[in-house]
Structures are given as C-alpha cells and as structure tokens.
PDB file of N, CA and C in Angstrom:
ATOM      1  N   MET A   1      93.211  87.583  75.756  1.00  0.00           N
ATOM      2  CA  MET A   1      91.983  88.302  75.552  1.00  0.00           C
ATOM      3  C   MET A   1      91.715  88.432  74.054  1.00  0.00           C
ATOM      4  N   LEU A   2      90.484  88.366  73.718  1.00  0.00           N
ATOM      5  CA  LEU A   2      90.082  88.542  72.326  1.00  0.00           C
ATOM      6  C   LEU A   2      89.722  90.001  72.070  1.00  0.00           C
ATOM      7  N   SER A   3      90.052  90.488  70.887  1.00  0.00           N
ATOM      8  CA  SER A   3      89.696  91.865  70.549  1.00  0.00           C
ATOM      9  C   SER A   3      88.178  91.996  70.468  1.00  0.00           C
ATOM     10  N   LYS A   4      87.699  93.150  70.881  1.00  0.00           N
ATOM     11  CA  LYS A   4      86.275  93.511  70.880  1.00  0.00           C
ATOM     12  C   LYS A   4      85.455  92.723  71.901  1.00  0.00           C
ATOM     13  N   ASP A   5      86.113  92.054  72.836  1.00  0.00           N
ATOM     14  CA  ASP A   5      85.417  91.316  73.889  1.00  0.00           C
ATOM     15  C   ASP A   5      85.324  92.211  75.123  1.00  0.00           C
ATOM     16  N   THR A   6      84.343  91.963  75.975  1.00  0.00           N
ATOM     17  CA  THR A   6      84.220  92.701  77.219  1.00  0.00           C
ATOM     18  C   THR A   6      84.943  91.929  78.319  1.00  0.00           C
ATOM     19  N   ILE A   7      85.852  92.614  78.999  1.00  0.00           N
ATOM     20  CA  ILE A   7      86.573  92.003  80.113  1.00  0.00           C
ATOM     21  C   ILE A   7      86.358  92.860  81.353  1.00  0.00           C
ATOM     22  N   ARG A   8      86.578  92.264  82.505  1.00  0.00           N
ATOM     23  CA  ARG A   8      86.446  92.995  83.763  1.00  0.00           C
ATOM     24  C   ARG A   8      87.835  93.316  84.300  1.00  0.00           C
ATOM     25  N   LEU A   9      88.143  94.612  84.372  1.00  0.00           N
ATOM     26  CA  LEU A   9      89.396  95.074  84.950  1.00  0.00           C
ATOM     27  C   LEU A   9      89.168  95.241  86.452  1.00  0.00           C
ATOM     28  N   ILE A  10      90.032  94.633  87.255  1.00  0.00           N
ATOM     29  CA  ILE A  10      89.823  94.559  88.701  1.00  0.00           C
ATOM     30  C   ILE A  10      91.070  95.045  89.437  1.00  0.00           C
ATOM     31  N   VAL A  11      90.835  95.709  90.568  1.00  0.00           N
ATOM     32  CA  VAL A  11      91.940  96.097  91.449  1.00  0.00           C
ATOM     33  C   VAL A  11      91.529  95.862  92.899  1.00  0.00           C
ATOM     34  N   GLN A  12      92.523  95.486  93.705  1.00  0.00           N
ATOM     35  CA  GLN A  12      92.382  95.411  95.159  1.00  0.00           C
ATOM     36  C   GLN A  12      93.531  96.210  95.747  1.00  0.00           C
ATOM     37  N   PHE A  13      93.219  97.346  96.351  1.00  0.00           N
ATOM     38  CA  PHE A  13      94.255  98.186  96.946  1.00  0.00           C
ATOM     39  C   PHE A  13      94.593  97.658  98.337  1.00  0.00           C
ATOM     40  N   ARG A  14      95.906  97.525  98.608  1.00  0.00           N
ATOM     41  CA  ARG A  14      96.391  97.024  99.901  1.00  0.00           C
ATOM     42  C   ARG A  14      97.556  97.884 100.390  1.00  0.00           C
ATOM     43  N   ASP A  15      97.744  97.894 101.697  1.00  0.00           N
ATOM     44  CA  ASP A  15      98.898  98.600 102.268  1.00  0.00           C
ATOM     45  C   ASP A  15     100.116  97.675 102.277  1.00  0.00           C
ATOM     46  N   PHE A  16     101.210  98.138 102.870  1.00  0.00           N
ATOM     47  CA  PHE A  16     102.451  97.361 102.884  1.00  0.00           C
ATOM     48  C   PHE A  16     102.335  96.060 103.676  1.00  0.00           C
ATOM     49  N   ASN A  17     101.358  95.986 104.564  1.00  0.00           N
ATOM     50  CA  ASN A  17     101.150  94.789 105.370  1.00  0.00           C
ATOM     51  C   ASN A  17     100.114  93.840 104.766  1.00  0.00           C
ATOM     52  N   GLY A  18      99.608  94.186 103.599  1.00  0.00           N
ATOM     53  CA  GLY A  18      98.625  93.337 102.942  1.00  0.00           C
ATOM     54  C   GLY A  18      97.192  93.600 103.355  1.00  0.00           C
ATOM     55  N   ASN A  19      96.967  94.629 104.173  1.00  0.00           N
ATOM     56  CA  ASN A  19      95.614  94.979 104.605  1.00  0.00           C
ATOM     57  C   ASN A  19      94.915  95.796 103.526  1.00  0.00           C
ATOM     58  N   MET A  20      93.626  95.549 103.360  1.00  0.00           N
ATOM     59  CA  MET A  20      92.845  96.309 102.395  1.00  0.00           C
ATOM     60  C   MET A  20      92.793  97.779 102.814  1.00  0.00           C
ATOM     61  N   ILE A  21      92.916  98.664 101.837  1.00  0.00           N
ATOM     62  CA  ILE A  21      92.812 100.108 102.083  1.00  0.00           C
ATOM     63  C   ILE A  21      91.767 100.683 101.138  1.00  0.00           C
ATOM     64  N   ASP A  22      91.245 101.836 101.494  1.00  0.00           N
ATOM     65  CA  ASP A  22      90.208 102.481 100.696  1.00  0.00           C
ATOM     66  C   ASP A  22      90.706 103.862 100.259  1.00  0.00           C
ATOM     67  N   PRO A  23      91.430 103.925  99.120  1.00  0.00           N
ATOM     68  CA  PRO A  23      91.984 105.212  98.694  1.00  0.00           C
ATOM     69  C   PRO A  23      90.904 106.179  98.196  1.00  0.00           C
ATOM     70  N   ASN A  24      91.268 107.439  98.126  1.00  0.00           N
ATOM     71  CA  ASN A  24      90.403 108.490  97.587  1.00  0.00           C
ATOM     72  C   ASN A  24      90.703 108.685  96.105  1.00  0.00           C
ATOM     73  N   ASP A  25      89.751 109.270  95.390  1.00  0.00           N
ATOM     74  CA  ASP A  25      89.949 109.700  93.997  1.00  0.00           C
ATOM     75  C   ASP A  25      90.492 108.591  93.103  1.00  0.00           C
ATOM     76  N   VAL A  26      89.872 107.423  93.138  1.00  0.00           N
ATOM     77  CA  VAL A  26      90.313 106.300  92.317  1.00  0.00           C
ATOM     78  C   VAL A  26      89.909 106.536  90.868  1.00  0.00           C
ATOM     79  N   ASN A  27      90.840 106.363  89.954  1.00  0.00           N
ATOM     80  CA  ASN A  27      90.618 106.506  88.519  1.00  0.00           C
ATOM     81  C   ASN A  27      91.237 105.327  87.798  1.00  0.00           C
ATOM     82  N   LEU A  28      90.794 105.116  86.579  1.00  0.00           N
ATOM     83  CA  LEU A  28      91.342 104.073  85.722  1.00  0.00           C
ATOM     84  C   LEU A  28      91.861 104.734  84.458  1.00  0.00           C
ATOM     85  N   LYS A  29      93.082 104.390  84.072  1.00  0.00           N
ATOM     86  CA  LYS A  29      93.668 104.908  82.833  1.00  0.00           C
ATOM     87  C   LYS A  29      94.037 103.733  81.944  1.00  0.00           C
ATOM     88  N   ILE A  30      93.825 103.910  80.643  1.00  0.00           N
ATOM     89  CA  ILE A  30      94.182 102.910  79.646  1.00  0.00           C
ATOM     90  C   ILE A  30      95.270 103.512  78.768  1.00  0.00           C
ATOM     91  N   TYR A  31      96.387 102.776  78.611  1.00  0.00           N
ATOM     92  CA  TYR A  31      97.519 103.227  77.804  1.00  0.00           C
ATOM     93  C   TYR A  31      97.789 102.229  76.685  1.00  0.00           C
ATOM     94  N   ASP A  32      98.377 102.728  75.591  1.00  0.00           N
ATOM     95  CA  ASP A  32      98.905 101.797  74.598  1.00  0.00           C
ATOM     96  C   ASP A  32     100.285 101.340  75.079  1.00  0.00           C
ATOM     97  N   LEU A  33     100.927 100.480  74.315  1.00  0.00           N
ATOM     98  CA  LEU A  33     102.221  99.940  74.767  1.00  0.00           C
ATOM     99  C   LEU A  33     103.349 100.958  74.696  1.00  0.00           C
ATOM    100  N   ASN A  34     103.106 102.104  74.060  1.00  0.00           N
ATOM    101  CA  ASN A  34     104.072 103.205  74.049  1.00  0.00           C
ATOM    102  C   ASN A  34     103.835 104.161  75.215  1.00  0.00           C
ATOM    103  N   GLU A  35     102.971 103.742  76.148  1.00  0.00           N
ATOM    104  CA  GLU A  35     102.626 104.510  77.338  1.00  0.00           C
ATOM    105  C   GLU A  35     101.910 105.817  77.019  1.00  0.00           C
ATOM    106  N   GLN A  36     101.221 105.845  75.878  1.00  0.00           N
ATOM    107  CA  GLN A  36     100.407 106.994  75.509  1.00  0.00           C
ATOM    108  C   GLN A  36      98.989 106.762  76.022  1.00  0.00           C
ATOM    109  N   LEU A  37      98.437 107.756  76.709  1.00  0.00           N
ATOM    110  CA  LEU A  37      97.098 107.643  77.278  1.00  0.00           C
ATOM    111  C   LEU A  37      96.058 107.507  76.171  1.00  0.00           C
ATOM    112  N   ILE A  38      95.230 106.467  76.274  1.00  0.00           N
ATOM    113  CA  ILE A  38      94.147 106.238  75.311  1.00  0.00           C
ATOM    114  C   ILE A  38      92.827 106.728  75.881  1.00  0.00           C
ATOM    115  N   GLU A  39      92.611 106.430  77.161  1.00  0.00           N
ATOM    116  CA  GLU A  39      91.317 106.724  77.777  1.00  0.00           C
ATOM    117  C   GLU A  39      91.492 106.867  79.277  1.00  0.00           C
ATOM    118  N   GLU A  40      90.677 107.737  79.879  1.00  0.00           N
ATOM    119  CA  GLU A  40      90.662 107.881  81.329  1.00  0.00           C
ATOM    120  C   GLU A  40      89.228 107.738  81.819  1.00  0.00           C
ATOM    121  N   ILE A  41      89.027 106.875  82.805  1.00  0.00           N
ATOM    122  CA  ILE A  41      87.710 106.602  83.356  1.00  0.00           C
ATOM    123  C   ILE A  41      87.696 107.106  84.789  1.00  0.00           C
ATOM    124  N   GLY A  42      86.772 107.996  85.092  1.00  0.00           N
ATOM    125  CA  GLY A  42      86.693 108.608  86.409  1.00  0.00           C
ATOM    126  C   GLY A  42      86.026 107.724  87.448  1.00  0.00           C
ATOM    127  N   THR A  43      86.165 108.135  88.694  1.00  0.00           N
ATOM    128  CA  THR A  43      85.632 107.395  89.840  1.00  0.00           C
ATOM    129  C   THR A  43      84.152 107.086  89.683  1.00  0.00           C
ATOM    130  N   GLU A  44      83.396 108.027  89.160  1.00  0.00           N
ATOM    131  CA  GLU A  44      81.942 107.859  89.065  1.00  0.00           C
ATOM    132  C   GLU A  44      81.531 106.721  88.140  1.00  0.00           C
ATOM    133  N   LYS A  45      82.418 106.284  87.242  1.00  0.00           N
ATOM    134  CA  LYS A  45      82.103 105.187  86.323  1.00  0.00           C
ATOM    135  C   LYS A  45      82.625 103.829  86.798  1.00  0.00           C
ATOM    136  N   LEU A  46      83.425 103.834  87.867  1.00  0.00           N
ATOM    137  CA  LEU A  46      83.958 102.581  88.407  1.00  0.00           C
ATOM    138  C   LEU A  46      82.956 101.975  89.386  1.00  0.00           C
ATOM    139  N   THR A  47      82.958 100.662  89.486  1.00  0.00           N
ATOM    140  CA  THR A  47      82.124  99.982  90.475  1.00  0.00           C
ATOM    141  C   THR A  47      82.952  99.744  91.722  1.00  0.00           C
ATOM    142  N   ASP A  48      82.480 100.277  92.850  1.00  0.00           N
ATOM    143  CA  ASP A  48      83.147 100.120  94.143  1.00  0.00           C
ATOM    144  C   ASP A  48      82.497  98.928  94.832  1.00  0.00           C
ATOM    145  N   ASN A  49      83.197  97.782  94.885  1.00  0.00           N
ATOM    146  CA  ASN A  49      82.637  96.551  95.429  1.00  0.00           C
ATOM    147  C   ASN A  49      82.712  96.475  96.947  1.00  0.00           C
ATOM    148  N   ALA A  50      83.688  97.045  97.527  1.00  0.00           N
ATOM    149  CA  ALA A  50      83.899  97.058  98.981  1.00  0.00           C
ATOM    150  C   ALA A  50      85.210  97.783  99.222  1.00  0.00           C
ATOM    151  N   GLN A  51      85.644  97.826 100.438  1.00  0.00           N
ATOM    152  CA  GLN A  51      86.856  98.565 100.780  1.00  0.00           C
ATOM    153  C   GLN A  51      88.030  98.150  99.896  1.00  0.00           C
ATOM    154  N   GLY A  52      88.469  99.080  99.046  1.00  0.00           N
ATOM    155  CA  GLY A  52      89.646  98.857  98.218  1.00  0.00           C
ATOM    156  C   GLY A  52      89.457  97.986  96.990  1.00  0.00           C
ATOM    157  N   ASN A  53      88.251  97.521  96.731  1.00  0.00           N
ATOM    158  CA  ASN A  53      87.970  96.673  95.564  1.00  0.00           C
ATOM    159  C   ASN A  53      87.143  97.445  94.546  1.00  0.00           C
ATOM    160  N   TYR A  54      87.683  97.575  93.343  1.00  0.00           N
ATOM    161  CA  TYR A  54      86.993  98.270  92.265  1.00  0.00           C
ATOM    162  C   TYR A  54      87.058  97.422  91.001  1.00  0.00           C
ATOM    163  N   HIS A  55      86.071  97.623  90.131  1.00  0.00           N
ATOM    164  CA  HIS A  55      86.161  96.994  88.814  1.00  0.00           C
ATOM    165  C   HIS A  55      85.498  97.883  87.772  1.00  0.00           C
ATOM    166  N   TYR A  56      85.831  97.578  86.515  1.00  0.00           N
ATOM    167  CA  TYR A  56      85.262  98.283  85.377  1.00  0.00           C
ATOM    168  C   TYR A  56      85.187  97.298  84.212  1.00  0.00           C
ATOM    169  N   ASP A  57      84.027  97.214  83.573  1.00  0.00           N
ATOM    170  CA  ASP A  57      83.855  96.355  82.407  1.00  0.00           C
ATOM    171  C   ASP A  57      84.279  97.135  81.168  1.00  0.00           C
ATOM    172  N   TYR A  58      85.269  96.599  80.454  1.00  0.00           N
ATOM    173  CA  TYR A  58      85.935  97.318  79.372  1.00  0.00           C
ATOM    174  C   TYR A  58      85.905  96.493  78.094  1.00  0.00           C
ATOM    175  N   VAL A  59      85.579  97.124  76.987  1.00  0.00           N
ATOM    176  CA  VAL A  59      85.616  96.465  75.682  1.00  0.00           C
ATOM    177  C   VAL A  59      87.025  96.620  75.130  1.00  0.00           C
ATOM    178  N   THR A  60      87.682  95.491  74.877  1.00  0.00           N
ATOM    179  CA  THR A  60      89.082  95.522  74.467  1.00  0.00           C
ATOM    180  C   THR A  60      89.241  96.118  73.070  1.00  0.00           C
ATOM    181  N   PRO A  61      90.329  96.860  72.865  1.00  0.00           N
ATOM    182  CA  PRO A  61      90.642  97.373  71.529  1.00  0.00           C
ATOM    183  C   PRO A  61      91.257  96.265  70.671  1.00  0.00           C
ATOM    184  N   ASP A  62      91.744  96.617  69.503  1.00  0.00           N
ATOM    185  CA  ASP A  62      92.355  95.644  68.586  1.00  0.00           C
ATOM    186  C   ASP A  62      93.851  95.467  68.837  1.00  0.00           C
ATOM    187  N   HIS A  63      94.341  95.960  69.948  1.00  0.00           N
ATOM    188  CA  HIS A  63      95.778  95.899  70.231  1.00  0.00           C
ATOM    189  C   HIS A  63      96.009  95.718  71.728  1.00  0.00           C
ATOM    190  N   ASP A  64      97.225  95.299  72.085  1.00  0.00           N
ATOM    191  CA  ASP A  64      97.597  95.167  73.489  1.00  0.00           C
ATOM    192  C   ASP A  64      97.496  96.523  74.179  1.00  0.00           C
ATOM    193  N   PHE A  65      97.253  96.494  75.476  1.00  0.00           N
ATOM    194  CA  PHE A  65      97.151  97.745  76.228  1.00  0.00           C
ATOM    195  C   PHE A  65      97.573  97.521  77.677  1.00  0.00           C
ATOM    196  N   ILE A  66      97.740  98.625  78.365  1.00  0.00           N
ATOM    197  CA  ILE A  66      98.089  98.624  79.787  1.00  0.00           C
ATOM    198  C   ILE A  66      96.970  99.364  80.511  1.00  0.00           C
ATOM    199  N   PHE A  67      96.501  98.778  81.623  1.00  0.00           N
ATOM    200  CA  PHE A  67      95.539  99.529  82.431  1.00  0.00           C
ATOM    201  C   PHE A  67      96.150  99.843  83.783  1.00  0.00           C
ATOM    202  N   GLU A  68      95.731 100.984  84.321  1.00  0.00           N
ATOM    203  CA  GLU A  68      96.275 101.476  85.587  1.00  0.00           C
ATOM    204  C   GLU A  68      95.140 102.016  86.452  1.00  0.00           C
ATOM    205  N   PHE A  69      94.974 101.435  87.620  1.00  0.00           N
ATOM    206  CA  PHE A  69      94.097 102.013  88.636  1.00  0.00           C
ATOM    207  C   PHE A  69      94.978 102.843  89.544  1.00  0.00           C
ATOM    208  N   GLU A  70      94.534 104.060  89.856  1.00  0.00           N
ATOM    209  CA  GLU A  70      95.308 104.929  90.731  1.00  0.00           C
ATOM    210  C   GLU A  70      94.390 105.616  91.729  1.00  0.00           C
ATOM    211  N   GLY A  71      94.945 105.961  92.877  1.00  0.00           N
ATOM    212  CA  GLY A  71      94.204 106.683  93.893  1.00  0.00           C
ATOM    213  C   GLY A  71      95.171 107.365  94.849  1.00  0.00           C
ATOM    214  N   GLN A  72      94.611 107.954  95.886  1.00  0.00           N
ATOM    215  CA  GLN A  72      95.403 108.635  96.916  1.00  0.00           C
ATOM    216  C   GLN A  72      95.043 108.035  98.268  1.00  0.00           C
ATOM    217  N   TYR A  73      96.067 107.713  99.057  1.00  0.00           N
ATOM    218  CA  TYR A  73      95.861 107.171 100.395  1.00  0.00           C
ATOM    219  C   TYR A  73      96.782 107.921 101.346  1.00  0.00           C
ATOM    220  N   PHE A  74      96.214 108.662 102.290  1.00  0.00           N
ATOM    221  CA  PHE A  74      96.980 109.526 103.190  1.00  0.00           C
ATOM    222  C   PHE A  74      97.915 110.435 102.401  1.00  0.00           C
ATOM    223  N   ASP A  75      97.369 111.047 101.350  1.00  0.00           N
ATOM    224  CA  ASP A  75      98.089 111.998 100.493  1.00  0.00           C
ATOM    225  C   ASP A  75      99.284 111.399  99.768  1.00  0.00           C
ATOM    226  N   LYS A  76      99.304 110.094  99.599  1.00  0.00           N
ATOM    227  CA  LYS A  76     100.354 109.396  98.843  1.00  0.00           C
ATOM    228  C   LYS A  76      99.695 108.627  97.704  1.00  0.00           C
ATOM    229  N   PRO A  77     100.342 108.573  96.544  1.00  0.00           N
ATOM    230  CA  PRO A  77      99.749 107.833  95.428  1.00  0.00           C
ATOM    231  C   PRO A  77      99.835 106.322  95.645  1.00  0.00           C
ATOM    232  N   VAL A  78      98.774 105.628  95.255  1.00  0.00           N
ATOM    233  CA  VAL A  78      98.757 104.165  95.203  1.00  0.00           C
ATOM    234  C   VAL A  78      98.273 103.784  93.817  1.00  0.00           C
ATOM    235  N   LEU A  79      98.916 102.792  93.211  1.00  0.00           N
ATOM    236  CA  LEU A  79      98.489 102.403  91.877  1.00  0.00           C
ATOM    237  C   LEU A  79      98.800 100.948  91.592  1.00  0.00           C
ATOM    238  N   SER A  80      98.137 100.455  90.581  1.00  0.00           N
ATOM    239  CA  SER A  80      98.322  99.090  90.114  1.00  0.00           C
ATOM    240  C   SER A  80      98.242  99.117  88.602  1.00  0.00           C
ATOM    241  N   ARG A  81      99.223  98.481  87.942  1.00  0.00           N
ATOM    242  CA  ARG A  81      99.242  98.433  86.473  1.00  0.00           C
ATOM    243  C   ARG A  81      99.339  96.990  86.010  1.00  0.00           C
ATOM    244  N   GLN A  82      98.751  96.758  84.838  1.00  0.00           N
ATOM    245  CA  GLN A  82      98.852  95.428  84.240  1.00  0.00           C
ATOM    246  C   GLN A  82      98.757  95.536  82.727  1.00  0.00           C
ATOM    247  N   LYS A  83      99.558  94.738  82.047  1.00  0.00           N
ATOM    248  CA  LYS A  83      99.515  94.663  80.588  1.00  0.00           C
ATOM    249  C   LYS A  83      98.516  93.579  80.185  1.00  0.00           C
ATOM    250  N   VAL A  84      97.738  93.865  79.150  1.00  0.00           N
ATOM    251  CA  VAL A  84      96.778  92.902  78.617  1.00  0.00           C
ATOM    252  C   VAL A  84      97.130  92.637  77.163  1.00  0.00           C
ATOM    253  N   SER A  85      97.329  91.374  76.828  1.00  0.00           N
ATOM    254  CA  SER A  85      97.602  90.968  75.439  1.00  0.00           C
ATOM    255  C   SER A  85      96.284  90.658  74.752  1.00  0.00           C
ATOM    256  N   VAL A  86      96.100  91.261  73.577  1.00  0.00           N
ATOM    257  CA  VAL A  86      94.861  91.104  72.823  1.00  0.00           C
ATOM    258  C   VAL A  86      95.174  90.431  71.517  1.00  0.00           C
ATOM    259  N   LYS A  87      94.324  89.484  71.116  1.00  0.00           N
ATOM    260  CA  LYS A  87      94.514  88.829  69.827  1.00  0.00           C
ATOM    261  C   LYS A  87      93.171  88.656  69.149  1.00  0.00           C
ATOM    262  N   PHE A  88      93.231  88.406  67.857  1.00  0.00           N
ATOM    263  CA  PHE A  88      92.026  88.156  67.073  1.00  0.00           C
ATOM    264  C   PHE A  88      91.975  86.675  66.757  1.00  0.00           C
ATOM    265  N   ASN A  89      90.939  85.998  67.199  1.00  0.00           N
ATOM    266  CA  ASN A  89      90.741  84.568  66.896  1.00  0.00           C
ATOM    267  C   ASN A  89      89.413  84.398  66.192  1.00  0.00           C
ATOM    268  N   TYR A  90      89.344  83.381  65.382  1.00  0.00           N
ATOM    269  CA  TYR A  90      88.081  83.088  64.707  1.00  0.00           C
ATOM    270  C   TYR A  90      87.809  81.622  64.686  1.00  0.00           C
TER     271      TYR A  90
END
C-alpha cells in the first residue's frame, strides 16, 4: 500500500462452519504496530454490504498499521485483524 492512498478495508464474518453470520455492534479499530489505538470507526460509518460483509474506505497513514473489525454474535466476540504494510513510492 502507498502512503496517503485510499484503500478499502473489508471483512466477512463467518461461523466455525464457514457460514456467513451477521454480528451486532460491528466496529473498526486502527492500531499502530505497537498495538496502540489510533482511530475507532463506529458502525454508523461502516458500509454494510450484506449479511456479515462490511467495508470502510480508509486513507492510509505514513506507517504500517493493523486494522481490526469486531462485533458480537450470540453474546460472544468475533473479530478479524490484518496488518497493512505502507510505503512511500514516487
């Protein structure tokens, strides 16, 4: 990923059998590589594409980061994390 570029962060929530699930209270968190919270994006700002599919268009910072989608399904936490490497090219 290039710094200052817009990327689409995507999640597909699934159960243990691989079936799509639709969790409650889905949020997106952005962390630095030291696991310090940089930003939190609430449900109202996420795009809900269909059952269990969400995305958010994010402008990358000047450094690597980790994004985490989280929600609740039958009162249990469900989450997905991914590291994004950012570089400056010209």
